[in-house]
């Protein structure tokens, strides 16, 4: 019986804490998602360029 009381208490506390959370608005969420996608694409392009340059450089050295 003790376990069910603990579970009930836990669920009650979770509900109370979830009411304290400040959720992002749709505009904030869209803005943040756009920033993450753009920065991920830029980083991927940068890493790709560095990879190409280093691959060609190493290819010239090993000839």
PDB file of N, CA and C in Angstrom:
ATOM      1  N   UNK A   1       0.820  -1.201   0.000  1.00  0.00           N
ATOM      2  CA  UNK A   1       0.000   0.000   0.000  1.00  0.00           C
ATOM      3  C   UNK A   1       0.861   1.261   0.000  1.00  0.00           C
ATOM      4  N   UNK A   2       2.015   1.192   0.613  1.00  0.00           N
ATOM      5  CA  UNK A   2       2.875   2.363   0.703  1.00  0.00           C
ATOM      6  C   UNK A   2       3.308   2.855  -0.668  1.00  0.00           C
ATOM      7  N   UNK A   3       3.534   1.926  -1.594  1.00  0.00           N
ATOM      8  CA  UNK A   3       4.020   2.281  -2.920  1.00  0.00           C
ATOM      9  C   UNK A   3       2.990   3.100  -3.687  1.00  0.00           C
ATOM     10  N   UNK A   4       1.701   2.769  -3.543  1.00  0.00           N
ATOM     11  CA  UNK A   4       0.661   3.514  -4.249  1.00  0.00           C
ATOM     12  C   UNK A   4       0.547   4.944  -3.726  1.00  0.00           C
ATOM     13  N   UNK A   5       0.760   5.134  -2.448  1.00  0.00           N
ATOM     14  CA  UNK A   5       0.756   6.473  -1.862  1.00  0.00           C
ATOM     15  C   UNK A   5       1.902   7.304  -2.401  1.00  0.00           C
ATOM     16  N   UNK A   6       3.077   6.664  -2.554  1.00  0.00           N
ATOM     17  CA  UNK A   6       4.240   7.371  -3.095  1.00  0.00           C
ATOM     18  C   UNK A   6       4.007   7.750  -4.558  1.00  0.00           C
ATOM     19  N   UNK A   7       3.410   6.835  -5.314  1.00  0.00           N
ATOM     20  CA  UNK A   7       3.134   7.116  -6.727  1.00  0.00           C
ATOM     21  C   UNK A   7       2.133   8.266  -6.850  1.00  0.00           C
ATOM     22  N   UNK A   8       1.079   8.229  -6.049  1.00  0.00           N
ATOM     23  CA  UNK A   8       0.078   9.295  -6.068  1.00  0.00           C
ATOM     24  C   UNK A   8       0.697  10.629  -5.686  1.00  0.00           C
ATOM     25  N   UNK A   9       1.541  10.618  -4.671  1.00  0.00           N
ATOM     26  CA  UNK A   9       2.224  11.836  -4.240  1.00  0.00           C
ATOM     27  C   UNK A   9       3.126  12.363  -5.353  1.00  0.00           C
ATOM     28  N   UNK A  10       3.841  11.474  -6.016  1.00  0.00           N
ATOM     29  CA  UNK A  10       4.735  11.873  -7.102  1.00  0.00           C
ATOM     30  C   UNK A  10       3.947  12.526  -8.233  1.00  0.00           C
ATOM     31  N   UNK A  11       2.844  11.906  -8.643  1.00  0.00           N
ATOM     32  CA  UNK A  11       2.028  12.448  -9.731  1.00  0.00           C
ATOM     33  C   UNK A  11       1.454  13.810  -9.350  1.00  0.00           C
ATOM     34  N   UNK A  12       1.038  13.960  -8.117  1.00  0.00           N
ATOM     35  CA  UNK A  12       0.512  15.243  -7.646  1.00  0.00           C
ATOM     36  C   UNK A  12       1.590  16.318  -7.701  1.00  0.00           C
ATOM     37  N   UNK A  13       2.785  15.978  -7.266  1.00  0.00           N
ATOM     38  CA  UNK A  13       3.885  16.944  -7.291  1.00  0.00           C
ATOM     39  C   UNK A  13       4.281  17.302  -8.722  1.00  0.00           C
ATOM     40  N   UNK A  14       4.230  16.338  -9.617  1.00  0.00           N
ATOM     41  CA  UNK A  14       4.542  16.610 -11.027  1.00  0.00           C
ATOM     42  C   UNK A  14       3.530  17.596 -11.600  1.00  0.00           C
ATOM     43  N   UNK A  15       2.255  17.406 -11.293  1.00  0.00           N
ATOM     44  CA  UNK A  15       1.225  18.325 -11.783  1.00  0.00           C
ATOM     45  C   UNK A  15       1.468  19.741 -11.285  1.00  0.00           C
ATOM     46  N   UNK A  16       1.836  19.868 -10.011  1.00  0.00           N
ATOM     47  CA  UNK A  16       2.091  21.189  -9.428  1.00  0.00           C
ATOM     48  C   UNK A  16       3.283  21.844 -10.121  1.00  0.00           C
ATOM     49  N   UNK A  17       4.353  21.090 -10.328  1.00  0.00           N
ATOM     50  CA  UNK A  17       5.552  21.644 -10.961  1.00  0.00           C
ATOM     51  C   UNK A  17       5.302  22.004 -12.420  1.00  0.00           C
ATOM     52  N   UNK A  18       4.493  21.206 -13.122  1.00  0.00           N
ATOM     53  CA  UNK A  18       4.213  21.492 -14.532  1.00  0.00           C
ATOM     54  C   UNK A  18       3.416  22.784 -14.696  1.00  0.00           C
ATOM     55  N   UNK A  19       2.651  23.155 -13.679  1.00  0.00           N
ATOM     56  CA  UNK A  19       1.910  24.414 -13.735  1.00  0.00           C
ATOM     57  C   UNK A  19       2.851  25.608 -13.588  1.00  0.00           C
ATOM     58  N   UNK A  20       4.040  25.402 -13.038  1.00  0.00           N
ATOM     59  CA  UNK A  20       5.010  26.479 -12.853  1.00  0.00           C
ATOM     60  C   UNK A  20       5.858  26.720 -14.103  1.00  0.00           C
ATOM     61  N   UNK A  21       5.816  25.788 -15.042  1.00  0.00           N
ATOM     62  CA  UNK A  21       6.653  25.891 -16.236  1.00  0.00           C
ATOM     63  C   UNK A  21       6.139  27.015 -17.124  1.00  0.00           C
ATOM     64  N   UNK A  22       7.079  27.829 -17.638  1.00  0.00           N
ATOM     65  CA  UNK A  22       6.671  28.857 -18.597  1.00  0.00           C
ATOM     66  C   UNK A  22       6.982  28.322 -19.992  1.00  0.00           C
ATOM     67  N   UNK A  23       5.936  28.010 -20.722  1.00  0.00           N
ATOM     68  CA  UNK A  23       6.073  27.415 -22.041  1.00  0.00           C
ATOM     69  C   UNK A  23       6.311  28.495 -23.080  1.00  0.00           C
ATOM     70  N   UNK A  24       7.094  28.174 -24.101  1.00  0.00           N
ATOM     71  CA  UNK A  24       7.368  29.112 -25.185  1.00  0.00           C
ATOM     72  C   UNK A  24       6.121  29.322 -26.027  1.00  0.00           C
ATOM     73  N   UNK A  25       6.051  30.531 -26.603  1.00  0.00           N
ATOM     74  CA  UNK A  25       4.954  30.783 -27.535  1.00  0.00           C
ATOM     75  C   UNK A  25       5.306  30.142 -28.884  1.00  0.00           C
ATOM     76  N   UNK A  26       4.329  30.073 -29.756  1.00  0.00           N
ATOM     77  CA  UNK A  26       4.556  29.473 -31.072  1.00  0.00           C
ATOM     78  C   UNK A  26       5.614  30.264 -31.844  1.00  0.00           C
ATOM     79  N   UNK A  27       5.569  31.600 -31.762  1.00  0.00           N
ATOM     80  CA  UNK A  27       6.540  32.432 -32.470  1.00  0.00           C
ATOM     81  C   UNK A  27       7.961  32.201 -31.946  1.00  0.00           C
ATOM     82  N   UNK A  28       8.100  32.074 -30.630  1.00  0.00           N
ATOM     83  CA  UNK A  28       9.422  31.802 -30.048  1.00  0.00           C
ATOM     84  C   UNK A  28       9.933  30.443 -30.489  1.00  0.00           C
ATOM     85  N   UNK A  29       9.050  29.470 -30.526  1.00  0.00           N
ATOM     86  CA  UNK A  29       9.430  28.124 -30.932  1.00  0.00           C
ATOM     87  C   UNK A  29       9.866  28.084 -32.392  1.00  0.00           C
ATOM     88  N   UNK A  30       9.111  28.752 -33.267  1.00  0.00           N
ATOM     89  CA  UNK A  30       9.465  28.802 -34.685  1.00  0.00           C
ATOM     90  C   UNK A  30      10.794  29.526 -34.867  1.00  0.00           C
ATOM     91  N   UNK A  31      11.001  30.624 -34.148  1.00  0.00           N
ATOM     92  CA  UNK A  31      12.256  31.371 -34.241  1.00  0.00           C
ATOM     93  C   UNK A  31      13.446  30.543 -33.788  1.00  0.00           C
ATOM     94  N   UNK A  32      13.307  29.865 -32.676  1.00  0.00           N
ATOM     95  CA  UNK A  32      14.394  29.028 -32.166  1.00  0.00           C
ATOM     96  C   UNK A  32      14.697  27.876 -33.113  1.00  0.00           C
ATOM     97  N   UNK A  33      13.653  27.272 -33.665  1.00  0.00           N
ATOM     98  CA  UNK A  33      13.845  26.165 -34.596  1.00  0.00           C
ATOM     99  C   UNK A  33      14.567  26.638 -35.851  1.00  0.00           C
ATOM    100  N   UNK A  34      14.212  27.819 -36.338  1.00  0.00           N
ATOM    101  CA  UNK A  34      14.870  28.380 -37.520  1.00  0.00           C
ATOM    102  C   UNK A  34      16.356  28.615 -37.255  1.00  0.00           C
ATOM    103  N   UNK A  35      16.670  29.151 -36.097  1.00  0.00           N
ATOM    104  CA  UNK A  35      18.067  29.393 -35.745  1.00  0.00           C
ATOM    105  C   UNK A  35      18.845  28.083 -35.667  1.00  0.00           C
ATOM    106  N   UNK A  36      18.266  27.073 -35.069  1.00  0.00           N
ATOM    107  CA  UNK A  36      18.940  25.776 -34.938  1.00  0.00           C
ATOM    108  C   UNK A  36      19.180  25.151 -36.306  1.00  0.00           C
ATOM    109  N   UNK A  37      18.173  25.179 -37.169  1.00  0.00           N
ATOM    110  CA  UNK A  37      18.324  24.579 -38.506  1.00  0.00           C
ATOM    111  C   UNK A  37      19.367  25.343 -39.312  1.00  0.00           C
ATOM    112  N   UNK A  38      19.313  26.664 -39.288  1.00  0.00           N
ATOM    113  CA  UNK A  38      20.274  27.473 -40.050  1.00  0.00           C
ATOM    114  C   UNK A  38      21.697  27.257 -39.557  1.00  0.00           C
ATOM    115  N   UNK A  39      21.894  27.266 -38.246  1.00  0.00           N
ATOM    116  CA  UNK A  39      23.247  27.079 -37.711  1.00  0.00           C
ATOM    117  C   UNK A  39      23.758  25.663 -37.977  1.00  0.00           C
ATOM    118  N   UNK A  40      22.870  24.682 -37.963  1.00  0.00           N
ATOM    119  CA  UNK A  40      23.273  23.306 -38.280  1.00  0.00           C
ATOM    120  C   UNK A  40      23.719  23.195 -39.735  1.00  0.00           C
ATOM    121  N   UNK A  41      22.970  23.815 -40.640  1.00  0.00           N
ATOM    122  CA  UNK A  41      23.343  23.794 -42.055  1.00  0.00           C
ATOM    123  C   UNK A  41      24.674  24.509 -42.291  1.00  0.00           C
ATOM    124  N   UNK A  42      24.865  25.664 -41.657  1.00  0.00           N
ATOM    125  CA  UNK A  42      26.131  26.392 -41.807  1.00  0.00           C
ATOM    126  C   UNK A  42      27.307  25.579 -41.280  1.00  0.00           C
ATOM    127  N   UNK A  43      27.128  24.954 -40.149  1.00  0.00           N
ATOM    128  CA  UNK A  43      28.192  24.139 -39.574  1.00  0.00           C
ATOM    129  C   UNK A  43      28.496  22.938 -40.463  1.00  0.00           C
ATOM    130  N   UNK A  44      27.456  22.322 -41.014  1.00  0.00           N
ATOM    131  CA  UNK A  44      27.663  21.182 -41.913  1.00  0.00           C
ATOM    132  C   UNK A  44      28.418  21.601 -43.163  1.00  0.00           C
ATOM    133  N   UNK A  45      28.084  22.763 -43.723  1.00  0.00           N
ATOM    134  CA  UNK A  45      28.799  23.254 -44.908  1.00  0.00           C
ATOM    135  C   UNK A  45      30.262  23.561 -44.575  1.00  0.00           C
ATOM    136  N   UNK A  46      30.496  24.165 -43.418  1.00  0.00           N
ATOM    137  CA  UNK A  46      31.861  24.473 -43.006  1.00  0.00           C
ATOM    138  C   UNK A  46      32.686  23.194 -42.838  1.00  0.00           C
ATOM    139  N   UNK A  47      32.137  22.222 -42.151  1.00  0.00           N
ATOM    140  CA  UNK A  47      32.854  20.958 -41.942  1.00  0.00           C
ATOM    141  C   UNK A  47      33.089  20.259 -43.280  1.00  0.00           C
ATOM    142  N   UNK A  48      32.113  20.309 -44.180  1.00  0.00           N
ATOM    143  CA  UNK A  48      32.275  19.717 -45.498  1.00  0.00           C
ATOM    144  C   UNK A  48      33.402  20.373 -46.275  1.00  0.00           C
ATOM    145  N   UNK A  49      33.464  21.700 -46.241  1.00  0.00           N
ATOM    146  CA  UNK A  49      34.532  22.427 -46.945  1.00  0.00           C
ATOM    147  C   UNK A  49      35.900  22.094 -46.355  1.00  0.00           C
ATOM    148  N   UNK A  50      35.997  22.081 -45.039  1.00  0.00           N
ATOM    149  CA  UNK A  50      37.267  21.737 -44.397  1.00  0.00           C
ATOM    150  C   UNK A  50      37.677  20.319 -44.766  1.00  0.00           C
ATOM    151  N   UNK A  51      36.727  19.416 -44.821  1.00  0.00           N
ATOM    152  CA  UNK A  51      37.008  18.032 -45.192  1.00  0.00           C
ATOM    153  C   UNK A  51      37.550  17.948 -46.620  1.00  0.00           C
ATOM    154  N   UNK A  52      36.913  18.667 -47.549  1.00  0.00           N
ATOM    155  CA  UNK A  52      37.365  18.652 -48.937  1.00  0.00           C
ATOM    156  C   UNK A  52      38.782  19.215 -49.054  1.00  0.00           C
ATOM    157  N   UNK A  53      39.015  20.356 -48.408  1.00  0.00           N
ATOM    158  CA  UNK A  53      40.339  20.991 -48.478  1.00  0.00           C
ATOM    159  C   UNK A  53      41.409  20.071 -47.886  1.00  0.00           C
ATOM    160  N   UNK A  54      41.151  19.522 -46.723  1.00  0.00           N
ATOM    161  CA  UNK A  54      42.148  18.654 -46.093  1.00  0.00           C
ATOM    162  C   UNK A  54      42.359  17.368 -46.880  1.00  0.00           C
ATOM    163  N   UNK A  55      41.305  16.814 -47.464  1.00  0.00           N
ATOM    164  CA  UNK A  55      41.431  15.608 -48.272  1.00  0.00           C
ATOM    165  C   UNK A  55      42.317  15.857 -49.486  1.00  0.00           C
ATOM    166  N   UNK A  56      42.108  16.987 -50.160  1.00  0.00           N
ATOM    167  CA  UNK A  56      42.933  17.312 -51.328  1.00  0.00           C
ATOM    168  C   UNK A  56      44.372  17.608 -50.911  1.00  0.00           C
ATOM    169  N   UNK A  57      44.554  18.276 -49.796  1.00  0.00           N
ATOM    170  CA  UNK A  57      45.897  18.570 -49.304  1.00  0.00           C
ATOM    171  C   UNK A  57      46.653  17.296 -48.982  1.00  0.00           C
ATOM    172  N   UNK A  58      45.995  16.390 -48.296  1.00  0.00           N
ATOM    173  CA  UNK A  58      46.627  15.113 -47.956  1.00  0.00           C
ATOM    174  C   UNK A  58      46.868  14.296 -49.215  1.00  0.00           C
ATOM    175  N   UNK A  59      45.957  14.377 -50.186  1.00  0.00           N
ATOM    176  CA  UNK A  59      46.149  13.687 -51.455  1.00  0.00           C
ATOM    177  C   UNK A  59      47.387  14.172 -52.197  1.00  0.00           C
ATOM    178  N   UNK A  60      47.639  15.480 -52.134  1.00  0.00           N
ATOM    179  CA  UNK A  60      48.835  16.043 -52.781  1.00  0.00           C
ATOM    180  C   UNK A  60      50.109  15.582 -52.066  1.00  0.00           C
ATOM    181  N   UNK A  61      50.051  15.500 -50.755  1.00  0.00           N
ATOM    182  CA  UNK A  61      51.221  15.087 -49.982  1.00  0.00           C
ATOM    183  C   UNK A  61      51.561  13.629 -50.241  1.00  0.00           C
ATOM    184  N   UNK A  62      50.570  12.773 -50.353  1.00  0.00           N
ATOM    185  CA  UNK A  62      50.803  11.332 -50.459  1.00  0.00           C
ATOM    186  C   UNK A  62      51.070  10.862 -51.889  1.00  0.00           C
ATOM    187  N   UNK A  63      51.057  11.760 -52.872  1.00  0.00           N
ATOM    188  CA  UNK A  63      51.342  11.346 -54.251  1.00  0.00           C
ATOM    189  C   UNK A  63      52.756  10.941 -54.446  1.00  0.00           C
TER     190      UNK A  63
END
